């Protein structure tokens, strides 16, 4: 089980880093800067809350933190979709990030479902 935790911690870290590298390539317009700030916050929060979930003291807290990670995954995808429409020249890279954000959301949903009473 700890190996799976590590894999998801690593995967969420990679997603946050990939989002930041993507942000660095975007043109510096006011909308890109503001939307990128939101993406950076959401993408980083996914892994941070997953790590918190793994350190939780109760099942309720664990599920709560996973729900936050799932919510932040959805939010990251939202900002990526906005940036994708504004910056179509980065479509291929953005689509890969959107796919990963959606996969993370599905993973968190699956774990949450397993812990439902």
PDB file of N, CA and C in Angstrom:
ATOM      1  N   UNK A   1       0.827  -1.205   0.000  1.00  0.00           N
ATOM      2  CA  UNK A   1       0.000   0.000   0.000  1.00  0.00           C
ATOM      3  C   UNK A   1       0.860   1.253   0.000  1.00  0.00           C
ATOM      4  N   UNK A   2       1.958   1.253   0.747  1.00  0.00           N
ATOM      5  CA  UNK A   2       2.793   2.452   0.798  1.00  0.00           C
ATOM      6  C   UNK A   2       3.395   2.772  -0.569  1.00  0.00           C
ATOM      7  N   UNK A   3       3.646   1.746  -1.388  1.00  0.00           N
ATOM      8  CA  UNK A   3       4.170   2.009  -2.721  1.00  0.00           C
ATOM      9  C   UNK A   3       3.152   2.780  -3.556  1.00  0.00           C
ATOM     10  N   UNK A   4       1.867   2.426  -3.436  1.00  0.00           N
ATOM     11  CA  UNK A   4       0.835   3.139  -4.165  1.00  0.00           C
ATOM     12  C   UNK A   4       0.732   4.587  -3.688  1.00  0.00           C
ATOM     13  N   UNK A   5       0.849   4.800  -2.385  1.00  0.00           N
ATOM     14  CA  UNK A   5       0.832   6.167  -1.862  1.00  0.00           C
ATOM     15  C   UNK A   5       1.965   6.967  -2.480  1.00  0.00           C
ATOM     16  N   UNK A   6       3.149   6.363  -2.500  1.00  0.00           N
ATOM     17  CA  UNK A   6       4.299   7.049  -3.071  1.00  0.00           C
ATOM     18  C   UNK A   6       4.042   7.377  -4.537  1.00  0.00           C
ATOM     19  N   UNK A   7       3.511   6.407  -5.287  1.00  0.00           N
ATOM     20  CA  UNK A   7       3.258   6.642  -6.702  1.00  0.00           C
ATOM     21  C   UNK A   7       2.307   7.816  -6.914  1.00  0.00           C
ATOM     22  N   UNK A   8       1.257   7.901  -6.140  1.00  0.00           N
ATOM     23  CA  UNK A   8       0.301   8.995  -6.302  1.00  0.00           C
ATOM     24  C   UNK A   8       0.888  10.312  -5.800  1.00  0.00           C
ATOM     25  N   UNK A   9       1.669  10.263  -4.733  1.00  0.00           N
ATOM     26  CA  UNK A   9       2.352  11.481  -4.285  1.00  0.00           C
ATOM     27  C   UNK A   9       3.293  11.983  -5.378  1.00  0.00           C
ATOM     28  N   UNK A  10       4.026  11.073  -5.974  1.00  0.00           N
ATOM     29  CA  UNK A  10       4.957  11.438  -7.041  1.00  0.00           C
ATOM     30  C   UNK A  10       4.193  11.951  -8.268  1.00  0.00           C
ATOM     31  N   UNK A  11       3.105  11.291  -8.581  1.00  0.00           N
ATOM     32  CA  UNK A  11       2.314  11.690  -9.755  1.00  0.00           C
ATOM     33  C   UNK A  11       1.708  13.075  -9.586  1.00  0.00           C
ATOM     34  N   UNK A  12       1.215  13.378  -8.395  1.00  0.00           N
ATOM     35  CA  UNK A  12       0.645  14.710  -8.166  1.00  0.00           C
ATOM     36  C   UNK A  12       1.738  15.771  -8.163  1.00  0.00           C
ATOM     37  N   UNK A  13       2.920  15.419  -7.660  1.00  0.00           N
ATOM     38  CA  UNK A  13       4.056  16.342  -7.700  1.00  0.00           C
ATOM     39  C   UNK A  13       4.445  16.634  -9.149  1.00  0.00           C
ATOM     40  N   UNK A  14       4.543  15.589  -9.953  1.00  0.00           N
ATOM     41  CA  UNK A  14       4.892  15.769 -11.366  1.00  0.00           C
ATOM     42  C   UNK A  14       3.859  16.627 -12.095  1.00  0.00           C
ATOM     43  N   UNK A  15       2.578  16.430 -11.774  1.00  0.00           N
ATOM     44  CA  UNK A  15       1.531  17.231 -12.405  1.00  0.00           C
ATOM     45  C   UNK A  15       1.711  18.705 -12.063  1.00  0.00           C
ATOM     46  N   UNK A  16       1.970  19.014 -10.792  1.00  0.00           N
ATOM     47  CA  UNK A  16       2.165  20.404 -10.369  1.00  0.00           C
ATOM     48  C   UNK A  16       3.384  21.009 -11.064  1.00  0.00           C
ATOM     49  N   UNK A  17       4.466  20.254 -11.158  1.00  0.00           N
ATOM     50  CA  UNK A  17       5.672  20.752 -11.829  1.00  0.00           C
ATOM     51  C   UNK A  17       5.413  20.951 -13.321  1.00  0.00           C
ATOM     52  N   UNK A  18       4.747  19.971 -13.958  1.00  0.00           N
ATOM     53  CA  UNK A  18       4.434  20.099 -15.385  1.00  0.00           C
ATOM     54  C   UNK A  18       3.555  21.318 -15.661  1.00  0.00           C
ATOM     55  N   UNK A  19       2.616  21.591 -14.776  1.00  0.00           N
ATOM     56  CA  UNK A  19       1.769  22.780 -14.935  1.00  0.00           C
ATOM     57  C   UNK A  19       2.605  24.048 -14.848  1.00  0.00           C
ATOM     58  N   UNK A  20       3.556  24.092 -13.926  1.00  0.00           N
ATOM     59  CA  UNK A  20       4.413  25.263 -13.781  1.00  0.00           C
ATOM     60  C   UNK A  20       5.337  25.447 -14.984  1.00  0.00           C
ATOM     61  N   UNK A  21       5.857  24.351 -15.511  1.00  0.00           N
ATOM     62  CA  UNK A  21       6.688  24.446 -16.714  1.00  0.00           C
ATOM     63  C   UNK A  21       5.867  24.939 -17.902  1.00  0.00           C
ATOM     64  N   UNK A  22       4.643  24.463 -18.000  1.00  0.00           N
ATOM     65  CA  UNK A  22       3.716  24.910 -19.045  1.00  0.00           C
ATOM     66  C   UNK A  22       3.438  26.410 -18.903  1.00  0.00           C
ATOM     67  N   UNK A  23       3.159  26.840 -17.682  1.00  0.00           N
ATOM     68  CA  UNK A  23       2.878  28.255 -17.420  1.00  0.00           C
ATOM     69  C   UNK A  23       4.041  29.133 -17.882  1.00  0.00           C
ATOM     70  N   UNK A  24       5.260  28.661 -17.650  1.00  0.00           N
ATOM     71  CA  UNK A  24       6.440  29.428 -18.035  1.00  0.00           C
ATOM     72  C   UNK A  24       6.575  29.646 -19.533  1.00  0.00           C
ATOM     73  N   UNK A  25       5.922  28.832 -20.331  1.00  0.00           N
ATOM     74  CA  UNK A  25       5.993  28.947 -21.792  1.00  0.00           C
ATOM     75  C   UNK A  25       4.937  29.885 -22.368  1.00  0.00           C
ATOM     76  N   UNK A  26       3.908  30.183 -21.592  1.00  0.00           N
ATOM     77  CA  UNK A  26       2.799  30.990 -22.104  1.00  0.00           C
ATOM     78  C   UNK A  26       3.201  32.450 -22.290  1.00  0.00           C
ATOM     79  N   UNK A  27       2.599  33.122 -23.284  1.00  0.00           N
ATOM     80  CA  UNK A  27       2.839  34.557 -23.443  1.00  0.00           C
ATOM     81  C   UNK A  27       2.394  35.314 -22.190  1.00  0.00           C
ATOM     82  N   UNK A  28       3.069  36.391 -21.882  1.00  0.00           N
ATOM     83  CA  UNK A  28       2.798  37.150 -20.652  1.00  0.00           C
ATOM     84  C   UNK A  28       1.713  38.205 -20.882  1.00  0.00           C
ATOM     85  N   UNK A  29       0.469  37.747 -20.999  1.00  0.00           N
ATOM     86  CA  UNK A  29      -0.667  38.666 -21.084  1.00  0.00           C
ATOM     87  C   UNK A  29      -1.338  38.715 -19.715  1.00  0.00           C
ATOM     88  N   UNK A  30      -2.143  39.719 -19.478  1.00  0.00           N
ATOM     89  CA  UNK A  30      -2.811  39.854 -18.180  1.00  0.00           C
ATOM     90  C   UNK A  30      -3.669  38.622 -17.890  1.00  0.00           C
ATOM     91  N   UNK A  31      -4.436  38.170 -18.875  1.00  0.00           N
ATOM     92  CA  UNK A  31      -5.309  37.017 -18.632  1.00  0.00           C
ATOM     93  C   UNK A  31      -4.490  35.749 -18.394  1.00  0.00           C
ATOM     94  N   UNK A  32      -3.424  35.536 -19.166  1.00  0.00           N
ATOM     95  CA  UNK A  32      -2.592  34.354 -18.945  1.00  0.00           C
ATOM     96  C   UNK A  32      -1.954  34.371 -17.566  1.00  0.00           C
ATOM     97  N   UNK A  33      -1.501  35.527 -17.138  1.00  0.00           N
ATOM     98  CA  UNK A  33      -0.868  35.633 -15.819  1.00  0.00           C
ATOM     99  C   UNK A  33      -1.872  35.304 -14.719  1.00  0.00           C
ATOM    100  N   UNK A  34      -3.054  35.886 -14.784  1.00  0.00           N
ATOM    101  CA  UNK A  34      -4.069  35.653 -13.748  1.00  0.00           C
ATOM    102  C   UNK A  34      -4.569  34.214 -13.758  1.00  0.00           C
ATOM    103  N   UNK A  35      -4.847  33.683 -14.941  1.00  0.00           N
ATOM    104  CA  UNK A  35      -5.318  32.297 -15.036  1.00  0.00           C
ATOM    105  C   UNK A  35      -4.219  31.311 -14.617  1.00  0.00           C
ATOM    106  N   UNK A  36      -2.984  31.640 -14.940  1.00  0.00           N
ATOM    107  CA  UNK A  36      -1.855  30.786 -14.557  1.00  0.00           C
ATOM    108  C   UNK A  36      -1.664  30.738 -13.047  1.00  0.00           C
ATOM    109  N   UNK A  37      -1.896  31.859 -12.375  1.00  0.00           N
ATOM    110  CA  UNK A  37      -1.813  31.872 -10.909  1.00  0.00           C
ATOM    111  C   UNK A  37      -2.819  30.890 -10.314  1.00  0.00           C
ATOM    112  N   UNK A  38      -4.018  30.896 -10.865  1.00  0.00           N
ATOM    113  CA  UNK A  38      -5.056  29.981 -10.383  1.00  0.00           C
ATOM    114  C   UNK A  38      -4.668  28.534 -10.646  1.00  0.00           C
ATOM    115  N   UNK A  39      -4.121  28.281 -11.833  1.00  0.00           N
ATOM    116  CA  UNK A  39      -3.682  26.924 -12.180  1.00  0.00           C
ATOM    117  C   UNK A  39      -2.557  26.468 -11.259  1.00  0.00           C
ATOM    118  N   UNK A  40      -1.608  27.342 -10.988  1.00  0.00           N
ATOM    119  CA  UNK A  40      -0.487  26.976 -10.107  1.00  0.00           C
ATOM    120  C   UNK A  40      -0.996  26.618  -8.710  1.00  0.00           C
ATOM    121  N   UNK A  41      -1.937  27.407  -8.189  1.00  0.00           N
ATOM    122  CA  UNK A  41      -2.481  27.121  -6.859  1.00  0.00           C
ATOM    123  C   UNK A  41      -3.226  25.784  -6.835  1.00  0.00           C
ATOM    124  N   UNK A  42      -4.111  25.593  -7.809  1.00  0.00           N
ATOM    125  CA  UNK A  42      -4.922  24.370  -7.842  1.00  0.00           C
ATOM    126  C   UNK A  42      -4.051  23.134  -8.044  1.00  0.00           C
ATOM    127  N   UNK A  43      -3.114  23.193  -8.975  1.00  0.00           N
ATOM    128  CA  UNK A  43      -2.296  22.013  -9.268  1.00  0.00           C
ATOM    129  C   UNK A  43      -1.396  21.645  -8.090  1.00  0.00           C
ATOM    130  N   UNK A  44      -0.906  22.624  -7.372  1.00  0.00           N
ATOM    131  CA  UNK A  44      -0.083  22.350  -6.200  1.00  0.00           C
ATOM    132  C   UNK A  44      -0.883  21.827  -5.026  1.00  0.00           C
ATOM    133  N   UNK A  45      -2.110  22.291  -4.918  1.00  0.00           N
ATOM    134  CA  UNK A  45      -2.980  21.891  -3.818  1.00  0.00           C
ATOM    135  C   UNK A  45      -3.392  20.423  -3.906  1.00  0.00           C
ATOM    136  N   UNK A  46      -3.422  19.880  -5.102  1.00  0.00           N
ATOM    137  CA  UNK A  46      -3.813  18.478  -5.282  1.00  0.00           C
ATOM    138  C   UNK A  46      -2.894  17.569  -4.462  1.00  0.00           C
ATOM    139  N   UNK A  47      -1.613  17.664  -4.706  1.00  0.00           N
ATOM    140  CA  UNK A  47      -0.651  16.824  -4.014  1.00  0.00           C
ATOM    141  C   UNK A  47      -0.506  17.164  -2.545  1.00  0.00           C
ATOM    142  N   UNK A  48      -0.555  18.460  -2.227  1.00  0.00           N
ATOM    143  CA  UNK A  48      -0.421  18.869  -0.830  1.00  0.00           C
ATOM    144  C   UNK A  48      -1.541  18.273   0.019  1.00  0.00           C
ATOM    145  N   UNK A  49      -2.745  18.283  -0.495  1.00  0.00           N
ATOM    146  CA  UNK A  49      -3.870  17.715   0.255  1.00  0.00           C
ATOM    147  C   UNK A  49      -3.823  16.195   0.282  1.00  0.00           C
ATOM    148  N   UNK A  50      -3.280  15.589  -0.763  1.00  0.00           N
ATOM    149  CA  UNK A  50      -3.123  14.134  -0.747  1.00  0.00           C
ATOM    150  C   UNK A  50      -2.117  13.726   0.333  1.00  0.00           C
ATOM    151  N   UNK A  51      -1.034  14.463   0.449  1.00  0.00           N
ATOM    152  CA  UNK A  51      -0.047  14.187   1.501  1.00  0.00           C
ATOM    153  C   UNK A  51      -0.700  14.360   2.875  1.00  0.00           C
ATOM    154  N   UNK A  52      -1.497  15.412   3.036  1.00  0.00           N
ATOM    155  CA  UNK A  52      -2.223  15.626   4.295  1.00  0.00           C
ATOM    156  C   UNK A  52      -3.168  14.456   4.576  1.00  0.00           C
ATOM    157  N   UNK A  53      -3.814  13.953   3.543  1.00  0.00           N
ATOM    158  CA  UNK A  53      -4.732  12.822   3.722  1.00  0.00           C
ATOM    159  C   UNK A  53      -3.984  11.605   4.265  1.00  0.00           C
ATOM    160  N   UNK A  54      -2.804  11.378   3.760  1.00  0.00           N
ATOM    161  CA  UNK A  54      -2.013  10.227   4.206  1.00  0.00           C
ATOM    162  C   UNK A  54      -1.544  10.370   5.650  1.00  0.00           C
ATOM    163  N   UNK A  55      -1.568  11.571   6.173  1.00  0.00           N
ATOM    164  CA  UNK A  55      -1.166  11.815   7.557  1.00  0.00           C
ATOM    165  C   UNK A  55      -2.372  12.031   8.470  1.00  0.00           C
ATOM    166  N   UNK A  56      -3.560  11.853   7.944  1.00  0.00           N
ATOM    167  CA  UNK A  56      -4.772  12.145   8.712  1.00  0.00           C
ATOM    168  C   UNK A  56      -4.912  11.201   9.905  1.00  0.00           C
ATOM    169  N   UNK A  57      -5.637  11.687  10.900  1.00  0.00           N
ATOM    170  CA  UNK A  57      -5.826  10.926  12.127  1.00  0.00           C
ATOM    171  C   UNK A  57      -7.113  10.116  12.134  1.00  0.00           C
ATOM    172  N   UNK A  58      -7.988  10.397  11.180  1.00  0.00           N
ATOM    173  CA  UNK A  58      -9.256   9.674  11.140  1.00  0.00           C
ATOM    174  C   UNK A  58      -9.659   9.409   9.695  1.00  0.00           C
ATOM    175  N   UNK A  59     -10.556   8.455   9.549  1.00  0.00           N
ATOM    176  CA  UNK A  59     -11.099   8.131   8.223  1.00  0.00           C
ATOM    177  C   UNK A  59     -11.831   9.340   7.639  1.00  0.00           C
ATOM    178  N   UNK A  60     -12.568  10.040   8.506  1.00  0.00           N
ATOM    179  CA  UNK A  60     -13.325  11.222   8.068  1.00  0.00           C
ATOM    180  C   UNK A  60     -12.387  12.299   7.513  1.00  0.00           C
ATOM    181  N   UNK A  61     -11.291  12.552   8.215  1.00  0.00           N
ATOM    182  CA  UNK A  61     -10.316  13.543   7.759  1.00  0.00           C
ATOM    183  C   UNK A  61      -9.642  13.086   6.469  1.00  0.00           C
ATOM    184  N   UNK A  62      -9.333  11.794   6.374  1.00  0.00           N
ATOM    185  CA  UNK A  62      -8.727  11.235   5.170  1.00  0.00           C
ATOM    186  C   UNK A  62      -9.615  11.489   3.956  1.00  0.00           C
ATOM    187  N   UNK A  63     -10.882  11.158   4.078  1.00  0.00           N
ATOM    188  CA  UNK A  63     -11.827  11.335   2.971  1.00  0.00           C
ATOM    189  C   UNK A  63     -12.010  12.819   2.648  1.00  0.00           C
ATOM    190  N   UNK A  64     -12.061  13.650   3.682  1.00  0.00           N
ATOM    191  CA  UNK A  64     -12.199  15.097   3.480  1.00  0.00           C
ATOM    192  C   UNK A  64     -11.036  15.642   2.640  1.00  0.00           C
ATOM    193  N   UNK A  65      -9.819  15.263   2.991  1.00  0.00           N
ATOM    194  CA  UNK A  65      -8.628  15.736   2.256  1.00  0.00           C
ATOM    195  C   UNK A  65      -8.628  15.208   0.820  1.00  0.00           C
ATOM    196  N   UNK A  66      -9.065  13.978   0.639  1.00  0.00           N
ATOM    197  CA  UNK A  66      -9.159  13.434  -0.720  1.00  0.00           C
ATOM    198  C   UNK A  66     -10.189  14.196  -1.542  1.00  0.00           C
ATOM    199  N   UNK A  67     -11.283  14.591  -0.899  1.00  0.00           N
ATOM    200  CA  UNK A  67     -12.299  15.376  -1.613  1.00  0.00           C
ATOM    201  C   UNK A  67     -11.742  16.731  -2.037  1.00  0.00           C
ATOM    202  N   UNK A  68     -10.891  17.307  -1.207  1.00  0.00           N
ATOM    203  CA  UNK A  68     -10.251  18.571  -1.585  1.00  0.00           C
ATOM    204  C   UNK A  68      -9.318  18.332  -2.777  1.00  0.00           C
ATOM    205  N   UNK A  69      -8.549  17.259  -2.741  1.00  0.00           N
ATOM    206  CA  UNK A  69      -7.671  16.935  -3.875  1.00  0.00           C
ATOM    207  C   UNK A  69      -8.478  16.746  -5.156  1.00  0.00           C
ATOM    208  N   UNK A  70      -9.604  16.069  -5.033  1.00  0.00           N
ATOM    209  CA  UNK A  70     -10.470  15.868  -6.211  1.00  0.00           C
ATOM    210  C   UNK A  70     -11.010  17.202  -6.717  1.00  0.00           C
ATOM    211  N   UNK A  71     -11.440  18.048  -5.805  1.00  0.00           N
ATOM    212  CA  UNK A  71     -11.958  19.376  -6.173  1.00  0.00           C
ATOM    213  C   UNK A  71     -10.881  20.208  -6.868  1.00  0.00           C
ATOM    214  N   UNK A  72      -9.670  20.162  -6.337  1.00  0.00           N
ATOM    215  CA  UNK A  72      -8.570  20.924  -6.930  1.00  0.00           C
ATOM    216  C   UNK A  72      -8.184  20.362  -8.301  1.00  0.00           C
ATOM    217  N   UNK A  73      -8.330  19.061  -8.486  1.00  0.00           N
ATOM    218  CA  UNK A  73      -8.089  18.458  -9.803  1.00  0.00           C
ATOM    219  C   UNK A  73      -9.070  19.016 -10.823  1.00  0.00           C
ATOM    220  N   UNK A  74     -10.333  19.085 -10.419  1.00  0.00           N
ATOM    221  CA  UNK A  74     -11.357  19.646 -11.315  1.00  0.00           C
ATOM    222  C   UNK A  74     -11.054  21.105 -11.631  1.00  0.00           C
ATOM    223  N   UNK A  75     -10.628  21.847 -10.610  1.00  0.00           N
ATOM    224  CA  UNK A  75     -10.328  23.262 -10.814  1.00  0.00           C
ATOM    225  C   UNK A  75      -9.126  23.441 -11.743  1.00  0.00           C
ATOM    226  N   UNK A  76      -8.103  22.629 -11.569  1.00  0.00           N
ATOM    227  CA  UNK A  76      -6.934  22.717 -12.451  1.00  0.00           C
ATOM    228  C   UNK A  76      -7.337  22.476 -13.903  1.00  0.00           C
ATOM    229  N   UNK A  77      -8.193  21.493 -14.127  1.00  0.00           N
ATOM    230  CA  UNK A  77      -8.678  21.209 -15.484  1.00  0.00           C
ATOM    231  C   UNK A  77      -9.456  22.398 -16.030  1.00  0.00           C
ATOM    232  N   UNK A  78     -10.240  23.042 -15.180  1.00  0.00           N
ATOM    233  CA  UNK A  78     -10.997  24.231 -15.593  1.00  0.00           C
ATOM    234  C   UNK A  78     -10.055  25.328 -16.110  1.00  0.00           C
ATOM    235  N   UNK A  79      -9.009  25.637 -15.331  1.00  0.00           N
ATOM    236  CA  UNK A  79      -8.070  26.688 -15.742  1.00  0.00           C
ATOM    237  C   UNK A  79      -7.287  26.265 -16.980  1.00  0.00           C
ATOM    238  N   UNK A  80      -6.960  24.996 -17.084  1.00  0.00           N
ATOM    239  CA  UNK A  80      -6.271  24.519 -18.287  1.00  0.00           C
ATOM    240  C   UNK A  80      -7.149  24.671 -19.522  1.00  0.00           C
ATOM    241  N   UNK A  81      -8.446  24.412 -19.372  1.00  0.00           N
ATOM    242  CA  UNK A  81      -9.363  24.587 -20.505  1.00  0.00           C
ATOM    243  C   UNK A  81      -9.438  26.042 -20.946  1.00  0.00           C
ATOM    244  N   UNK A  82      -9.459  26.956 -19.986  1.00  0.00           N
ATOM    245  CA  UNK A  82      -9.461  28.389 -20.327  1.00  0.00           C
ATOM    246  C   UNK A  82      -8.169  28.743 -21.065  1.00  0.00           C
ATOM    247  N   UNK A  83      -7.037  28.346 -20.482  1.00  0.00           N
ATOM    248  CA  UNK A  83      -5.751  28.659 -21.109  1.00  0.00           C
ATOM    249  C   UNK A  83      -5.630  28.016 -22.481  1.00  0.00           C
ATOM    250  N   UNK A  84      -6.217  26.849 -22.658  1.00  0.00           N
ATOM    251  CA  UNK A  84      -6.182  26.164 -23.947  1.00  0.00           C
ATOM    252  C   UNK A  84      -6.926  26.954 -25.017  1.00  0.00           C
ATOM    253  N   UNK A  85      -8.042  27.525 -24.649  1.00  0.00           N
ATOM    254  CA  UNK A  85      -8.821  28.298 -25.627  1.00  0.00           C
ATOM    255  C   UNK A  85      -8.146  29.618 -25.977  1.00  0.00           C
ATOM    256  N   UNK A  86      -7.473  30.198 -25.012  1.00  0.00           N
ATOM    257  CA  UNK A  86      -6.806  31.484 -25.244  1.00  0.00           C
ATOM    258  C   UNK A  86      -5.479  31.287 -25.981  1.00  0.00           C
ATOM    259  N   UNK A  87      -4.852  30.147 -25.781  1.00  0.00           N
ATOM    260  CA  UNK A  87      -3.529  29.873 -26.349  1.00  0.00           C
ATOM    261  C   UNK A  87      -3.544  28.579 -27.164  1.00  0.00           C
ATOM    262  N   UNK A  88      -4.264  28.568 -28.291  1.00  0.00           N
ATOM    263  CA  UNK A  88      -4.408  27.322 -29.058  1.00  0.00           C
ATOM    264  C   UNK A  88      -3.084  26.773 -29.586  1.00  0.00           C
ATOM    265  N   UNK A  89      -2.063  27.602 -29.662  1.00  0.00           N
ATOM    266  CA  UNK A  89      -0.765  27.132 -30.153  1.00  0.00           C
ATOM    267  C   UNK A  89      -0.108  26.129 -29.198  1.00  0.00           C
ATOM    268  N   UNK A  90      -0.617  26.044 -27.969  1.00  0.00           N
ATOM    269  CA  UNK A  90      -0.100  25.086 -26.985  1.00  0.00           C
ATOM    270  C   UNK A  90      -1.055  23.914 -26.781  1.00  0.00           C
ATOM    271  N   UNK A  91      -1.957  23.720 -27.734  1.00  0.00           N
ATOM    272  CA  UNK A  91      -3.029  22.731 -27.599  1.00  0.00           C
ATOM    273  C   UNK A  91      -2.545  21.342 -27.221  1.00  0.00           C
ATOM    274  N   UNK A  92      -1.517  20.842 -27.880  1.00  0.00           N
ATOM    275  CA  UNK A  92      -1.041  19.481 -27.622  1.00  0.00           C
ATOM    276  C   UNK A  92      -0.576  19.326 -26.175  1.00  0.00           C
ATOM    277  N   UNK A  93       0.223  20.271 -25.705  1.00  0.00           N
ATOM    278  CA  UNK A  93       0.720  20.217 -24.336  1.00  0.00           C
ATOM    279  C   UNK A  93      -0.412  20.393 -23.321  1.00  0.00           C
ATOM    280  N   UNK A  94      -1.322  21.317 -23.626  1.00  0.00           N
ATOM    281  CA  UNK A  94      -2.436  21.558 -22.716  1.00  0.00           C
ATOM    282  C   UNK A  94      -3.333  20.337 -22.616  1.00  0.00           C
ATOM    283  N   UNK A  95      -3.591  19.689 -23.727  1.00  0.00           N
ATOM    284  CA  UNK A  95      -4.447  18.505 -23.731  1.00  0.00           C
ATOM    285  C   UNK A  95      -3.855  17.380 -22.880  1.00  0.00           C
ATOM    286  N   UNK A  96      -2.535  17.218 -22.898  1.00  0.00           N
ATOM    287  CA  UNK A  96      -1.890  16.202 -22.061  1.00  0.00           C
ATOM    288  C   UNK A  96      -2.104  16.515 -20.582  1.00  0.00           C
ATOM    289  N   UNK A  97      -1.979  17.794 -20.219  1.00  0.00           N
ATOM    290  CA  UNK A  97      -2.195  18.196 -18.830  1.00  0.00           C
ATOM    291  C   UNK A  97      -3.658  18.013 -18.423  1.00  0.00           C
ATOM    292  N   UNK A  98      -4.575  18.349 -19.318  1.00  0.00           N
ATOM    293  CA  UNK A  98      -6.002  18.169 -19.044  1.00  0.00           C
ATOM    294  C   UNK A  98      -6.297  16.685 -18.811  1.00  0.00           C
ATOM    295  N   UNK A  99      -5.730  15.848 -19.646  1.00  0.00           N
ATOM    296  CA  UNK A  99      -5.933  14.391 -19.492  1.00  0.00           C
ATOM    297  C   UNK A  99      -5.434  13.918 -18.129  1.00  0.00           C
ATOM    298  N   UNK A 100      -4.262  14.354 -17.726  1.00  0.00           N
ATOM    299  CA  UNK A 100      -3.711  13.950 -16.434  1.00  0.00           C
ATOM    300  C   UNK A 100      -4.559  14.487 -15.280  1.00  0.00           C
ATOM    301  N   UNK A 101      -5.020  15.731 -15.386  1.00  0.00           N
ATOM    302  CA  UNK A 101      -5.888  16.291 -14.344  1.00  0.00           C
ATOM    303  C   UNK A 101      -7.178  15.495 -14.190  1.00  0.00           C
ATOM    304  N   UNK A 102      -7.751  15.083 -15.305  1.00  0.00           N
ATOM    305  CA  UNK A 102      -8.975  14.279 -15.267  1.00  0.00           C
ATOM    306  C   UNK A 102      -8.711  12.897 -14.685  1.00  0.00           C
ATOM    307  N   UNK A 103      -7.573  12.314 -15.033  1.00  0.00           N
ATOM    308  CA  UNK A 103      -7.221  11.002 -14.479  1.00  0.00           C
ATOM    309  C   UNK A 103      -7.023  11.089 -12.964  1.00  0.00           C
ATOM    310  N   UNK A 104      -6.378  12.142 -12.491  1.00  0.00           N
ATOM    311  CA  UNK A 104      -6.210  12.321 -11.046  1.00  0.00           C
ATOM    312  C   UNK A 104      -7.563  12.430 -10.351  1.00  0.00           C
ATOM    313  N   UNK A 105      -8.477  13.179 -10.959  1.00  0.00           N
ATOM    314  CA  UNK A 105      -9.823  13.312 -10.390  1.00  0.00           C
ATOM    315  C   UNK A 105     -10.500  11.953 -10.281  1.00  0.00           C
ATOM    316  N   UNK A 106     -10.373  11.135 -11.309  1.00  0.00           N
ATOM    317  CA  UNK A 106     -10.979   9.800 -11.294  1.00  0.00           C
ATOM    318  C   UNK A 106     -10.345   8.903 -10.233  1.00  0.00           C
ATOM    319  N   UNK A 107      -9.041   9.016 -10.068  1.00  0.00           N
ATOM    320  CA  UNK A 107      -8.349   8.226  -9.040  1.00  0.00           C
ATOM    321  C   UNK A 107      -8.857   8.614  -7.658  1.00  0.00           C
ATOM    322  N   UNK A 108      -8.939   9.909  -7.390  1.00  0.00           N
ATOM    323  CA  UNK A 108      -9.422  10.359  -6.084  1.00  0.00           C
ATOM    324  C   UNK A 108     -10.875   9.943  -5.869  1.00  0.00           C
ATOM    325  N   UNK A 109     -11.684  10.034  -6.909  1.00  0.00           N
ATOM    326  CA  UNK A 109     -13.081   9.603  -6.800  1.00  0.00           C
ATOM    327  C   UNK A 109     -13.177   8.128  -6.447  1.00  0.00           C
ATOM    328  N   UNK A 110     -12.333   7.321  -7.055  1.00  0.00           N
ATOM    329  CA  UNK A 110     -12.324   5.884  -6.793  1.00  0.00           C
ATOM    330  C   UNK A 110     -11.922   5.584  -5.350  1.00  0.00           C
ATOM    331  N   UNK A 111     -10.906   6.274  -4.862  1.00  0.00           N
ATOM    332  CA  UNK A 111     -10.480   6.052  -3.474  1.00  0.00           C
ATOM    333  C   UNK A 111     -11.572   6.497  -2.519  1.00  0.00           C
ATOM    334  N   UNK A 112     -12.186   7.630  -2.773  1.00  0.00           N
ATOM    335  CA  UNK A 112     -13.264   8.142  -1.922  1.00  0.00           C
ATOM    336  C   UNK A 112     -14.410   7.147  -1.890  1.00  0.00           C
ATOM    337  N   UNK A 113     -14.757   6.600  -3.028  1.00  0.00           N
ATOM    338  CA  UNK A 113     -15.867   5.627  -3.126  1.00  0.00           C
ATOM    339  C   UNK A 113     -15.594   4.399  -2.275  1.00  0.00           C
ATOM    340  N   UNK A 114     -14.357   3.957  -2.227  1.00  0.00           N
ATOM    341  CA  UNK A 114     -13.982   2.779  -1.431  1.00  0.00           C
ATOM    342  C   UNK A 114     -14.135   3.030   0.079  1.00  0.00           C
ATOM    343  N   UNK A 115     -14.046   4.291   0.476  1.00  0.00           N
ATOM    344  CA  UNK A 115     -14.100   4.612   1.897  1.00  0.00           C
ATOM    345  C   UNK A 115     -15.488   5.050   2.366  1.00  0.00           C
ATOM    346  N   UNK A 116     -16.454   5.053   1.466  1.00  0.00           N
ATOM    347  CA  UNK A 116     -17.803   5.439   1.871  1.00  0.00           C
ATOM    348  C   UNK A 116     -18.400   4.392   2.807  1.00  0.00           C
ATOM    349  N   UNK A 117     -19.176   4.877   3.723  1.00  0.00           N
ATOM    350  CA  UNK A 117     -19.792   3.989   4.736  1.00  0.00           C
ATOM    351  C   UNK A 117     -21.047   3.360   4.175  1.00  0.00           C
TER     352      UNK A 117
END
